[in-house]
Protein backbone atom coordinates (compact mmCIF):
# COMPACT_ATOMS: atom_id res chain seq x y z
CA MET A 1 0.00 0.00 0.00
CA GLN A 2 1.37 3.42 -0.88
CA ARG A 3 2.62 5.48 2.08
CA SER A 4 0.87 8.77 2.83
CA LEU A 5 2.80 11.99 2.38
CA ALA A 6 2.60 12.59 6.14
CA SER A 7 4.24 9.21 6.74
CA VAL A 8 7.18 9.70 4.42
CA THR A 9 7.83 13.28 5.45
CA ARG A 10 7.76 12.17 9.07
CA ARG A 11 10.71 9.94 8.24
CA LEU A 12 12.71 13.00 7.28
CA HIS A 13 11.80 14.45 10.67
CA LEU A 14 12.72 11.49 12.82
CA CYS A 15 16.25 11.01 11.51
CA ALA A 16 17.31 14.51 12.44
CA LEU A 17 15.58 14.58 15.83
CA ALA A 18 18.45 13.33 17.99
CA ALA A 19 20.87 15.72 16.34
CA VAL A 20 18.85 18.64 17.60
CA LEU A 21 19.55 17.57 21.18
CA PHE A 22 23.13 18.72 20.60
CA ALA A 23 21.94 22.16 19.52
CA THR A 24 21.90 25.03 21.95
CA SER A 25 20.68 27.70 19.55
CA THR A 26 19.73 28.25 15.92
CA ALA A 27 21.46 30.05 13.05
CA SER A 28 24.95 28.88 14.09
CA ALA A 29 26.02 29.11 10.47
CA GLN A 30 25.78 32.88 10.76
CA ASP A 31 29.18 32.66 12.45
CA LEU A 32 30.68 30.68 9.55
CA PRO A 33 32.31 32.23 6.49
CA VAL A 34 29.55 32.42 3.88
CA PRO A 35 30.63 31.92 0.23
CA THR A 36 28.74 34.46 -1.86
CA SER A 37 30.77 34.88 -5.04
CA GLY A 38 29.49 31.82 -6.83
CA PRO A 39 28.35 28.18 -6.57
CA VAL A 40 30.28 25.66 -4.51
CA ARG A 41 30.72 22.03 -5.51
CA VAL A 42 31.10 19.19 -3.02
CA ARG A 43 32.04 15.70 -4.17
CA PHE A 44 30.76 12.73 -2.17
CA GLU A 45 32.69 9.47 -2.57
CA THR A 46 30.56 6.53 -1.45
CA THR A 47 30.82 2.77 -1.44
CA ARG A 48 28.40 2.81 -4.39
CA GLY A 49 30.26 5.43 -6.43
CA ALA A 50 30.68 9.21 -6.45
CA PHE A 51 28.36 12.12 -7.03
CA THR A 52 28.90 15.88 -6.98
CA VAL A 53 26.48 18.50 -5.74
CA GLU A 54 26.54 22.18 -6.65
CA LEU A 55 25.43 24.35 -3.75
CA ASP A 56 23.84 27.75 -4.23
CA PRO A 57 25.07 30.28 -1.61
CA SER A 58 23.12 33.11 -3.24
CA ARG A 59 19.83 31.35 -2.39
CA ALA A 60 20.78 29.52 0.82
CA PRO A 61 23.83 31.23 2.30
CA LEU A 62 23.49 29.95 5.87
CA SER A 63 22.73 26.37 4.89
CA VAL A 64 25.51 26.26 2.31
CA ALA A 65 28.05 27.66 4.78
CA ASN A 66 26.85 25.03 7.24
CA VAL A 67 27.27 22.08 4.85
CA VAL A 68 30.61 23.39 3.58
CA GLN A 69 31.92 23.62 7.13
CA TYR A 70 30.79 20.06 7.88
CA ALA A 71 32.61 18.90 4.74
CA ARG A 72 35.76 20.79 5.66
CA ASP A 73 35.59 19.35 9.18
CA ARG A 74 35.37 15.83 7.64
CA HIS A 75 32.10 15.29 9.50
CA TYR A 76 30.53 13.37 6.63
CA ASP A 77 33.45 10.96 6.21
CA GLY A 78 32.39 7.53 7.44
CA THR A 79 28.69 8.37 7.77
CA ILE A 80 25.99 6.41 5.99
CA PHE A 81 22.84 6.84 3.97
CA HIS A 82 20.58 5.62 6.72
CA ARG A 83 17.20 6.23 5.04
CA VAL A 84 16.38 5.24 1.48
CA ILE A 85 12.80 5.49 0.24
CA GLY A 86 12.29 4.64 -3.42
CA ASN A 87 10.54 7.31 -5.49
CA PHE A 88 11.06 9.77 -2.66
CA VAL A 89 14.50 10.52 -1.18
CA VAL A 90 17.86 9.18 -0.03
CA GLN A 91 19.03 10.72 3.25
CA GLY A 92 22.34 10.69 5.05
CA GLY A 93 25.08 12.65 6.73
CA GLY A 94 24.41 12.00 10.40
CA TYR A 95 25.01 8.40 11.45
CA LEU A 96 27.91 5.95 11.55
CA PRO A 97 27.44 2.35 10.33
CA ASP A 98 26.89 1.10 13.89
CA GLY A 99 23.96 3.50 14.33
CA THR A 100 25.85 6.02 16.43
CA GLU A 101 24.84 9.59 15.66
CA LYS A 102 27.68 12.06 15.27
CA PRO A 103 27.55 15.24 17.37
CA THR A 104 26.65 18.37 15.44
CA ARG A 105 26.85 22.10 15.74
CA PRO A 106 23.70 24.10 16.57
CA ALA A 107 20.93 24.11 13.99
CA VAL A 108 20.49 26.65 11.19
CA VAL A 109 17.63 28.91 10.23
CA ASN A 110 15.22 27.44 7.68
CA GLU A 111 15.88 28.92 4.22
CA SER A 112 13.08 27.14 2.37
CA GLY A 113 11.58 30.38 1.07
CA ASN A 114 14.47 30.91 -1.33
CA GLY A 115 12.71 30.10 -4.59
CA LEU A 116 14.34 26.68 -5.02
CA SER A 117 11.99 23.70 -5.31
CA ASN A 118 12.27 20.07 -4.23
CA ARG A 119 12.65 18.72 -7.76
CA ARG A 120 14.36 15.49 -8.79
CA GLY A 121 18.10 15.76 -8.29
CA THR A 122 17.99 18.65 -5.85
CA VAL A 123 19.67 18.52 -2.45
CA ALA A 124 17.90 19.80 0.66
CA MET A 125 18.31 19.93 4.42
CA ALA A 126 16.64 17.27 6.56
CA ARG A 127 15.04 18.46 9.78
CA THR A 128 12.51 17.63 12.49
CA GLU A 129 9.04 19.11 12.77
CA ASP A 130 10.77 22.19 14.16
CA PRO A 131 11.38 24.20 10.96
CA HIS A 132 14.67 25.58 12.28
CA SER A 133 16.29 22.27 13.30
CA ALA A 134 18.50 21.30 10.34
CA THR A 135 22.06 20.37 11.27
CA SER A 136 24.25 18.08 9.15
CA GLN A 137 21.76 15.72 7.53
CA PHE A 138 20.72 16.22 3.93
CA TYR A 139 18.65 14.39 1.35
CA VAL A 140 18.54 14.08 -2.43
CA ASN A 141 15.14 14.13 -4.11
CA LEU A 142 14.58 11.11 -6.34
CA VAL A 143 11.43 12.59 -7.89
CA ASP A 144 9.69 15.95 -7.88
CA ASN A 145 8.57 16.34 -4.25
CA LEU A 146 6.74 19.63 -4.49
CA ALA A 147 4.79 18.91 -1.30
CA LEU A 148 8.06 19.50 0.58
CA ASP A 149 8.20 23.10 -0.65
CA PRO A 150 6.94 25.91 1.59
CA GLY A 151 3.32 27.03 1.42
CA PRO A 152 1.44 30.15 2.48
CA SER A 153 0.98 28.81 6.01
CA ARG A 154 3.83 26.32 6.44
CA TRP A 155 7.60 26.05 6.35
CA GLY A 156 9.12 23.81 3.72
CA TYR A 157 12.39 21.89 3.45
CA ALA A 158 15.24 24.12 2.33
CA VAL A 159 16.72 23.22 -1.05
CA ILE A 160 20.37 24.25 -1.17
CA GLY A 161 21.60 22.91 -4.51
CA ARG A 162 21.48 20.06 -6.99
CA VAL A 163 23.36 17.00 -8.14
CA VAL A 164 25.42 17.94 -11.20
CA GLU A 165 27.39 14.70 -11.63
CA GLY A 166 26.58 11.14 -10.63
CA MET A 167 22.79 11.13 -10.38
CA ASP A 168 23.05 7.57 -11.68
CA VAL A 169 24.96 6.75 -8.48
CA VAL A 170 22.18 8.30 -6.39
CA ASP A 171 19.69 6.15 -8.30
CA LYS A 172 21.80 3.07 -7.53
CA ILE A 173 21.69 3.94 -3.86
CA ALA A 174 17.92 4.35 -4.15
CA SER A 175 17.55 0.85 -5.60
CA VAL A 176 19.15 -1.14 -2.77
CA ALA A 177 17.23 -3.47 -0.50
CA THR A 178 16.05 -1.78 2.68
CA GLY A 179 14.37 -2.70 5.93
CA GLU A 180 15.09 -2.85 9.64
CA GLN A 181 18.80 -2.49 10.30
CA GLY A 182 20.27 -2.00 13.75
CA ALA A 183 18.95 1.19 15.29
CA PHE A 184 16.77 1.96 12.27
CA PRO A 185 13.32 0.36 12.28
CA ASP A 186 12.79 0.55 8.52
CA ASP A 187 13.96 2.08 5.22
CA ALA A 188 17.65 1.50 6.07
CA PRO A 189 19.91 -0.16 3.48
CA LEU A 190 20.51 -3.75 4.55
CA GLU A 191 24.11 -3.35 3.41
CA PRO A 192 25.54 -0.05 4.70
CA ILE A 193 26.22 2.61 2.08
CA VAL A 194 29.08 4.67 3.46
CA ILE A 195 30.17 8.18 2.53
CA GLN A 196 33.91 7.60 2.37
CA SER A 197 34.70 11.28 1.89
CA ALA A 198 33.03 14.62 1.17
CA GLN A 199 35.29 17.35 -0.20
CA VAL A 200 34.79 20.86 -1.51
CA VAL A 201 36.18 20.58 -5.03
CA SER A 202 35.38 23.96 -6.60
CA GLY A 203 34.13 27.40 -5.71
CA PRO A 204 35.42 30.27 -3.61
CA VAL A 205 36.10 28.10 -0.54
CA ALA A 206 37.76 25.13 -2.28
CA ALA A 207 41.29 26.45 -1.78
CA ALA A 208 40.75 26.60 1.97
CA GLN A 209 40.13 22.86 2.28
């Protein structure tokens, strides 16, 4: 039976919930250097191949600065894609293969009203039901998920960029067998898919890696 939208969006919420316990305030990325002179590319090497995302600091400056800092701090290295829902999203960036959640910095302000939409191939920030709770976790849209965009009376999920190379790798990740795995009750790859490295490879902050 097809899952309801409320059910699948709730899964985006739950995976980021524990990370928020580490947060003591929002908008921490305001203290980070914000790249504003052009797009920034981050390359993710995974056990299923590599893909590159192009982040848009002109539309999501706080969120992009946040993700760039996590990449530069090597936070993503060794984390897994812990939630894979076919025809919806793949989500990662917060947990180790044994289910341990990595500590994070405080959460960032929601930038979902930036004009970017949750279309196939876009990258967005995962969060809890608190709109301003995104930390390190991100997801890639496998299809157009316009219901995740903001509305007149609700916050959306902030899109921060798009996959520009390796969407076929993302689709491979999306096709793996999933179910209950360790600390995750469902939708987790039965064989861990590990982010081996995440590096800033181009843009105004690449030289500072």
